[in-house]
């Protein structure tokens, strides 16, 4: 641990405390993963930059080497969705560092284990701990003001990107009739929050 901290602390940029509102508009990141024991293991990411109004949408399958890495650490579990959901957050940061650097960033995820690992920076299982540490080391280098918030599964706009081939979309939107009442309330509160950021 001492060796790890010695290396990390000499490489990190100075810690900053922010007492004022961000000077630039928020970046909003939605992430999701799909896991099938014998089938597809996919990631989906949607990043909305409120400064430019642009959406950045991407998806991909988890590489076999990472699938094997998870199995080595935990065995071939019936579900490894937690690992892939956290990997989706790491992939979002690695894919769009130029959008996140020194910005106010709100991450939305529908997996509570992922949110716990992201908020606390650690997890008891070695694979989740490694992914959480990776996420926080990447973020430390980019110095964003980060918030991790839960979004219900069905309204998560990254959900479809983790499951089907990429389809470009200018403005991802929800069809109000397709949402459950509880999800509609969540989306309305999310829209209100994002509007205030």
Protein backbone atom coordinates (compact mmCIF):
# COMPACT_ATOMS: atom_id res chain seq x y z
CA UNK A 1 0.00 0.00 0.00
CA UNK A 2 2.83 2.41 0.90
CA UNK A 3 4.51 1.78 -2.45
CA UNK A 4 1.22 2.35 -4.30
CA UNK A 5 0.54 5.63 -2.44
CA UNK A 6 4.10 6.84 -2.97
CA UNK A 7 3.76 6.39 -6.72
CA UNK A 8 0.23 7.79 -6.96
CA UNK A 9 0.70 10.82 -4.72
CA UNK A 10 3.80 11.99 -6.57
CA UNK A 11 1.96 11.86 -9.91
CA UNK A 12 -1.38 13.45 -8.98
CA UNK A 13 -2.15 17.07 -9.70
CA UNK A 14 -2.85 19.32 -6.67
CA UNK A 15 -6.19 18.79 -4.92
CA UNK A 16 -8.66 21.61 -5.56
CA UNK A 17 -11.67 22.64 -3.52
CA UNK A 18 -14.46 24.50 -5.33
CA UNK A 19 -16.63 26.93 -3.43
CA UNK A 20 -18.42 28.56 -6.34
CA UNK A 21 -20.67 27.49 -9.17
CA UNK A 22 -18.91 25.98 -12.20
CA UNK A 23 -17.83 28.51 -14.80
CA UNK A 24 -18.72 26.19 -17.68
CA UNK A 25 -21.94 24.21 -18.28
CA UNK A 26 -22.27 20.63 -17.06
CA UNK A 27 -21.27 17.47 -18.91
CA UNK A 28 -23.82 14.69 -18.39
CA UNK A 29 -22.71 11.06 -18.75
CA UNK A 30 -25.09 8.08 -18.98
CA UNK A 31 -23.57 4.60 -18.91
CA UNK A 32 -24.94 1.08 -19.04
CA UNK A 33 -23.87 -2.51 -19.57
CA UNK A 34 -25.49 -5.69 -20.79
CA UNK A 35 -24.41 -9.10 -19.55
CA UNK A 36 -25.47 -12.50 -20.81
CA UNK A 37 -23.75 -15.58 -19.38
CA UNK A 38 -23.41 -17.29 -22.77
CA UNK A 39 -24.11 -14.33 -25.02
CA UNK A 40 -23.31 -10.68 -25.50
CA UNK A 41 -21.46 -8.51 -23.01
CA UNK A 42 -21.86 -4.91 -24.11
CA UNK A 43 -21.26 -1.34 -22.96
CA UNK A 44 -23.20 1.79 -23.89
CA UNK A 45 -22.32 5.43 -23.22
CA UNK A 46 -24.10 8.70 -23.96
CA UNK A 47 -22.33 11.96 -23.13
CA UNK A 48 -24.15 15.28 -23.44
CA UNK A 49 -22.04 18.44 -23.34
CA UNK A 50 -24.31 21.29 -22.31
CA UNK A 51 -21.71 23.81 -23.44
CA UNK A 52 -21.88 22.76 -27.09
CA UNK A 53 -25.27 21.01 -27.03
CA UNK A 54 -23.67 17.96 -28.68
CA UNK A 55 -24.33 14.33 -27.82
CA UNK A 56 -21.53 11.80 -28.06
CA UNK A 57 -22.88 8.26 -28.33
CA UNK A 58 -20.87 5.06 -28.42
CA UNK A 59 -21.19 1.36 -27.73
CA UNK A 60 -19.05 -1.72 -27.86
CA UNK A 61 -18.58 -5.27 -26.70
CA UNK A 62 -16.38 -6.12 -23.73
CA UNK A 63 -13.08 -7.53 -25.06
CA UNK A 64 -12.50 -11.26 -24.34
CA UNK A 65 -9.34 -10.43 -22.34
CA UNK A 66 -11.39 -8.38 -19.87
CA UNK A 67 -14.05 -11.10 -19.66
CA UNK A 68 -11.26 -13.57 -18.77
CA UNK A 69 -9.79 -11.12 -16.23
CA UNK A 70 -13.14 -10.92 -14.43
CA UNK A 71 -13.48 -14.72 -14.41
CA UNK A 72 -9.94 -15.12 -13.01
CA UNK A 73 -10.79 -12.78 -10.11
CA UNK A 74 -14.27 -14.02 -9.25
CA UNK A 75 -14.88 -17.28 -11.05
CA UNK A 76 -17.53 -17.80 -13.70
CA UNK A 77 -20.44 -16.21 -11.82
CA UNK A 78 -24.03 -16.49 -13.01
CA UNK A 79 -23.98 -12.72 -13.45
CA UNK A 80 -21.08 -10.34 -13.76
CA UNK A 81 -23.20 -7.29 -14.50
CA UNK A 82 -21.67 -5.25 -11.65
CA UNK A 83 -18.20 -5.57 -13.16
CA UNK A 84 -19.41 -4.50 -16.61
CA UNK A 85 -21.51 -1.61 -15.30
CA UNK A 86 -18.43 -0.24 -13.51
CA UNK A 87 -16.33 -0.91 -16.61
CA UNK A 88 -18.81 1.24 -18.57
CA UNK A 89 -18.01 4.20 -16.29
CA UNK A 90 -14.27 3.62 -16.75
CA UNK A 91 -14.78 3.36 -20.53
CA UNK A 92 -16.71 6.66 -20.56
CA UNK A 93 -13.84 8.46 -18.82
CA UNK A 94 -11.20 6.83 -21.03
CA UNK A 95 -13.15 7.56 -24.23
CA UNK A 96 -14.04 11.20 -23.54
CA UNK A 97 -11.27 12.68 -21.35
CA UNK A 98 -11.19 15.87 -23.44
CA UNK A 99 -14.85 16.54 -22.56
CA UNK A 100 -14.44 15.86 -18.83
CA UNK A 101 -11.20 17.68 -18.01
CA UNK A 102 -11.79 20.45 -15.41
CA UNK A 103 -15.56 20.24 -15.94
CA UNK A 104 -18.61 19.78 -13.74
CA UNK A 105 -19.66 16.19 -14.60
CA UNK A 106 -22.81 14.30 -13.57
CA UNK A 107 -22.63 10.52 -14.05
CA UNK A 108 -25.95 8.65 -14.25
CA UNK A 109 -25.91 4.88 -13.78
CA UNK A 110 -28.67 2.36 -13.07
CA UNK A 111 -26.58 -0.10 -11.04
CA UNK A 112 -26.33 0.57 -7.30
CA UNK A 113 -23.18 -1.54 -6.83
CA UNK A 114 -21.47 0.57 -9.49
CA UNK A 115 -22.61 3.76 -7.79
CA UNK A 116 -21.33 2.54 -4.40
CA UNK A 117 -17.92 1.71 -5.88
CA UNK A 118 -17.80 5.05 -7.73
CA UNK A 119 -18.81 7.11 -4.71
CA UNK A 120 -16.57 5.33 -2.18
CA UNK A 121 -13.60 4.72 -4.48
CA UNK A 122 -13.27 1.15 -3.31
CA UNK A 123 -15.10 -2.18 -3.09
CA UNK A 124 -14.45 -5.36 -1.11
CA UNK A 125 -14.06 -7.63 -4.16
CA UNK A 126 -10.67 -7.28 -5.90
CA UNK A 127 -12.05 -6.90 -9.43
CA UNK A 128 -14.51 -4.16 -8.43
CA UNK A 129 -11.84 -2.51 -6.28
CA UNK A 130 -9.43 -2.45 -9.25
CA UNK A 131 -12.06 -0.92 -11.54
CA UNK A 132 -13.07 1.63 -8.90
CA UNK A 133 -9.44 2.59 -8.28
CA UNK A 134 -8.90 2.92 -12.03
CA UNK A 135 -11.94 5.18 -12.33
CA UNK A 136 -10.74 7.46 -9.55
CA UNK A 137 -7.16 7.61 -10.79
CA UNK A 138 -8.42 8.60 -14.24
CA UNK A 139 -10.69 11.25 -12.74
CA UNK A 140 -7.91 12.58 -10.51
CA UNK A 141 -5.83 13.25 -13.60
CA UNK A 142 -8.70 15.10 -15.30
CA UNK A 143 -9.79 17.08 -12.17
CA UNK A 144 -13.53 17.23 -12.87
CA UNK A 145 -16.14 18.04 -10.22
CA UNK A 146 -17.96 14.70 -10.25
CA UNK A 147 -21.36 13.56 -9.03
CA UNK A 148 -22.65 9.99 -9.31
CA UNK A 149 -26.44 9.64 -9.34
CA UNK A 150 -28.87 6.75 -9.83
CA UNK A 151 -31.16 6.66 -12.85
CA UNK A 152 -33.82 3.93 -13.12
CA UNK A 153 -33.00 1.20 -15.67
CA UNK A 154 -35.72 1.81 -18.24
CA UNK A 155 -35.16 5.59 -18.54
CA UNK A 156 -31.37 5.19 -18.84
CA UNK A 157 -30.67 6.46 -22.36
CA UNK A 158 -27.41 4.45 -22.53
CA UNK A 159 -29.37 1.21 -22.06
CA UNK A 160 -30.22 0.61 -25.71
CA UNK A 161 -26.63 1.39 -26.78
CA UNK A 162 -25.32 -1.46 -24.64
CA UNK A 163 -27.65 -3.96 -26.32
CA UNK A 164 -28.08 -3.27 -30.02
CA UNK A 165 -25.89 -2.15 -32.92
CA UNK A 166 -25.05 1.53 -32.95
CA UNK A 167 -27.74 3.80 -34.35
CA UNK A 168 -26.81 7.49 -34.49
CA UNK A 169 -29.38 9.71 -32.87
CA UNK A 170 -29.28 13.50 -32.76
CA UNK A 171 -31.29 13.95 -29.56
CA UNK A 172 -32.07 10.85 -27.49
CA UNK A 173 -35.57 11.20 -26.05
CA UNK A 174 -37.97 9.09 -24.04
CA UNK A 175 -41.47 8.40 -25.26
CA UNK A 176 -43.62 9.43 -22.26
CA UNK A 177 -46.21 6.70 -22.90
CA UNK A 178 -43.53 3.99 -22.58
CA UNK A 179 -42.49 4.96 -19.04
CA UNK A 180 -43.90 3.64 -15.80
CA UNK A 181 -45.28 6.41 -13.54
CA UNK A 182 -42.39 6.02 -11.09
CA UNK A 183 -39.85 6.31 -13.93
CA UNK A 184 -41.64 9.38 -15.34
CA UNK A 185 -41.28 11.05 -11.94
CA UNK A 186 -37.57 10.14 -11.89
CA UNK A 187 -37.01 11.51 -15.41
CA UNK A 188 -38.84 14.73 -14.60
CA UNK A 189 -36.68 15.23 -11.51
CA UNK A 190 -33.53 14.41 -13.53
CA UNK A 191 -34.50 16.95 -16.20
CA UNK A 192 -35.10 19.55 -13.48
CA UNK A 193 -31.72 18.81 -11.87
CA UNK A 194 -29.81 18.93 -15.14
CA UNK A 195 -31.50 22.20 -16.03
CA UNK A 196 -30.13 23.72 -12.82
CA UNK A 197 -26.53 22.54 -13.37
